Each structure stands twice: as C-alpha cells, then as structure tokens.
Amino acid sequence: MGRAVAMGVALGLGLALFSWGGGAYAAGQPPVLLEHWYSLTADEARKGLPEDLEGTVICYDLPWGQFYVHDGQAAIYLSPHNFTNQFEIGQKVIIHGRTAWDGTVPIL
C-alpha cells in the first residue's frame, strides 16, 4: 500500500477528535475519504461545511509536532498542539471539523 502524505494541510479551530473503538459510525454523514477532501475547490472549502474524517493514527510525536492520520488510501497532517488528547500509533479516530481554505489548500 502506498503512503500519500498531504503537504501543507493545516488544522483550523473548532475541530474535535474522538477515539473510535470499532463498529459502524452512525452519527451524521459517513466519514469523507481524504481523496475527496483534497479535491475540494477553494469555493467549496470556504463554505464551512461539516466534515468527518475517519482513520488510523500512523504517526504521533507531540514534541516534534507530528500527527498523521491515514484513511486507508491517503494521509493527512494535523498539528498535535491543537488537541488535548494523547494518541497512539494504530489508534482509530474520527475527526469532526468544518471546511475552510488557507489560500492554497483545504483545511479543517
């Protein structure tokens, strides 16, 4: 399996992250694949639409500012300093946020 890492993807305010213990995700819309996320245009991202991203923690290092979540097809960088949670590699998570645009890429 190839490992795609998003460059320049940032994390905005108002984001919540929850551990996922398995089973189906039932609340709201099904989680969005990162492939779709990366295809958002600036106008689409600026709408502030709610998005849920589901994946597995593949890297977490708070002192080095590293936090990557993989959805099975692609990975996204998140700043670990925006979370109060501590994470472990292999942990399943669901990220709840709203779309935004930072001038170059979609952000949550």
Protein backbone atom coordinates (compact mmCIF):
# COMPACT_ATOMS: atom_id res chain seq x y z
CA MET A 1 0.00 0.00 0.00
CA GLY A 2 1.41 3.40 -0.96
CA ARG A 3 1.67 6.14 1.60
CA ALA A 4 0.50 9.55 0.47
CA VAL A 5 1.26 12.46 2.75
CA ALA A 6 -0.59 15.71 2.33
CA MET A 7 1.72 18.69 2.14
CA GLY A 8 0.51 21.95 3.54
CA VAL A 9 -2.73 20.64 5.04
CA ALA A 10 -3.35 22.52 8.25
CA LEU A 11 -5.79 22.25 11.13
CA GLY A 12 -8.16 25.12 11.96
CA LEU A 13 -10.02 25.99 15.13
CA GLY A 14 -13.25 24.34 16.15
CA LEU A 15 -12.09 20.79 15.49
CA ALA A 16 -12.93 17.86 17.73
CA LEU A 17 -11.31 14.44 17.66
CA PHE A 18 -12.68 11.29 19.25
CA SER A 19 -11.26 7.81 19.66
CA TRP A 20 -13.17 5.14 17.81
CA GLY A 21 -13.45 1.73 19.38
CA GLY A 22 -14.70 -0.04 16.25
CA GLY A 23 -18.10 -0.68 14.77
CA ALA A 24 -20.06 1.48 12.36
CA TYR A 25 -20.02 5.25 12.53
CA ALA A 26 -23.67 6.20 12.96
CA ALA A 27 -23.88 9.95 13.64
CA GLY A 28 -24.43 12.29 10.69
CA GLN A 29 -22.88 11.67 7.30
CA PRO A 30 -20.40 8.86 6.72
CA PRO A 31 -16.77 9.97 7.05
CA VAL A 32 -15.23 11.54 3.95
CA LEU A 33 -12.29 9.88 2.23
CA LEU A 34 -9.25 12.13 2.09
CA GLU A 35 -9.15 11.67 -1.68
CA HIS A 36 -12.40 13.65 -1.82
CA TRP A 37 -11.10 16.17 0.70
CA TYR A 38 -8.06 17.01 -1.44
CA SER A 39 -10.28 17.60 -4.49
CA LEU A 40 -12.28 20.43 -2.86
CA THR A 41 -12.06 23.75 -4.69
CA ALA A 42 -11.43 26.99 -2.80
CA ASP A 43 -15.11 27.96 -3.14
CA GLU A 44 -16.27 24.57 -1.83
CA ALA A 45 -13.85 24.65 1.12
CA ARG A 46 -14.86 28.22 2.10
CA LYS A 47 -18.48 27.12 2.69
CA GLY A 48 -17.63 25.93 6.20
CA LEU A 49 -19.42 22.64 5.72
CA PRO A 50 -19.15 19.99 8.46
CA GLU A 51 -16.79 17.12 7.60
CA ASP A 52 -15.93 13.89 9.39
CA LEU A 53 -12.64 12.18 8.59
CA GLU A 54 -12.10 8.64 9.89
CA GLY A 55 -8.74 6.94 10.02
CA THR A 56 -5.85 5.38 11.89
CA VAL A 57 -3.04 7.25 13.63
CA ILE A 58 0.17 6.42 11.75
CA CYS A 59 2.47 8.95 13.44
CA TYR A 60 2.17 10.90 16.70
CA ASP A 61 5.03 12.85 18.25
CA LEU A 62 3.94 15.87 20.28
CA PRO A 63 7.43 17.38 20.89
CA TRP A 64 8.21 17.26 17.16
CA GLY A 65 4.73 18.49 16.15
CA GLN A 66 3.92 15.36 14.15
CA PHE A 67 0.43 13.84 13.87
CA TYR A 68 -0.70 11.92 10.77
CA VAL A 69 -3.96 10.06 10.23
CA HIS A 70 -4.41 7.57 7.37
CA ASP A 71 -7.87 6.72 5.99
CA GLY A 72 -6.78 3.58 4.12
CA GLN A 73 -5.96 5.48 0.92
CA ALA A 74 -4.21 8.71 1.91
CA ALA A 75 -2.83 10.51 4.97
CA ILE A 76 -3.41 13.96 6.45
CA TYR A 77 -1.12 16.04 8.67
CA LEU A 78 -2.69 17.58 11.77
CA SER A 79 -0.98 19.73 14.37
CA PRO A 80 -0.93 17.76 17.63
CA HIS A 81 -0.76 21.06 19.53
CA ASN A 82 -4.42 21.70 18.63
CA PHE A 83 -5.56 18.68 20.66
CA THR A 84 -5.66 17.90 24.37
CA ASN A 85 -5.76 14.16 23.59
CA GLN A 86 -2.73 11.87 23.61
CA PHE A 87 -2.66 9.35 20.74
CA GLU A 88 -1.02 6.04 19.94
CA ILE A 89 0.08 4.64 16.58
CA GLY A 90 -2.65 2.29 15.34
CA GLN A 91 -5.44 4.08 17.23
CA LYS A 92 -8.70 4.53 15.28
CA VAL A 93 -10.00 8.13 15.33
CA ILE A 94 -12.81 10.22 13.86
CA ILE A 95 -12.10 13.91 13.27
CA HIS A 96 -15.03 16.33 13.26
CA GLY A 97 -14.49 19.76 11.74
CA ARG A 98 -15.61 22.36 9.20
CA THR A 99 -14.12 23.10 5.82
CA ALA A 100 -12.05 26.23 5.23
CA TRP A 101 -9.39 27.45 2.80
CA ASP A 102 -5.95 28.72 3.82
CA GLY A 103 -5.10 30.26 0.44
CA THR A 104 -3.53 27.16 -1.06
CA VAL A 105 -5.23 24.01 0.30
CA PRO A 106 -8.44 22.92 2.07
CA ILE A 107 -8.21 22.89 5.86
CA LEU A 108 -10.48 21.89 8.73
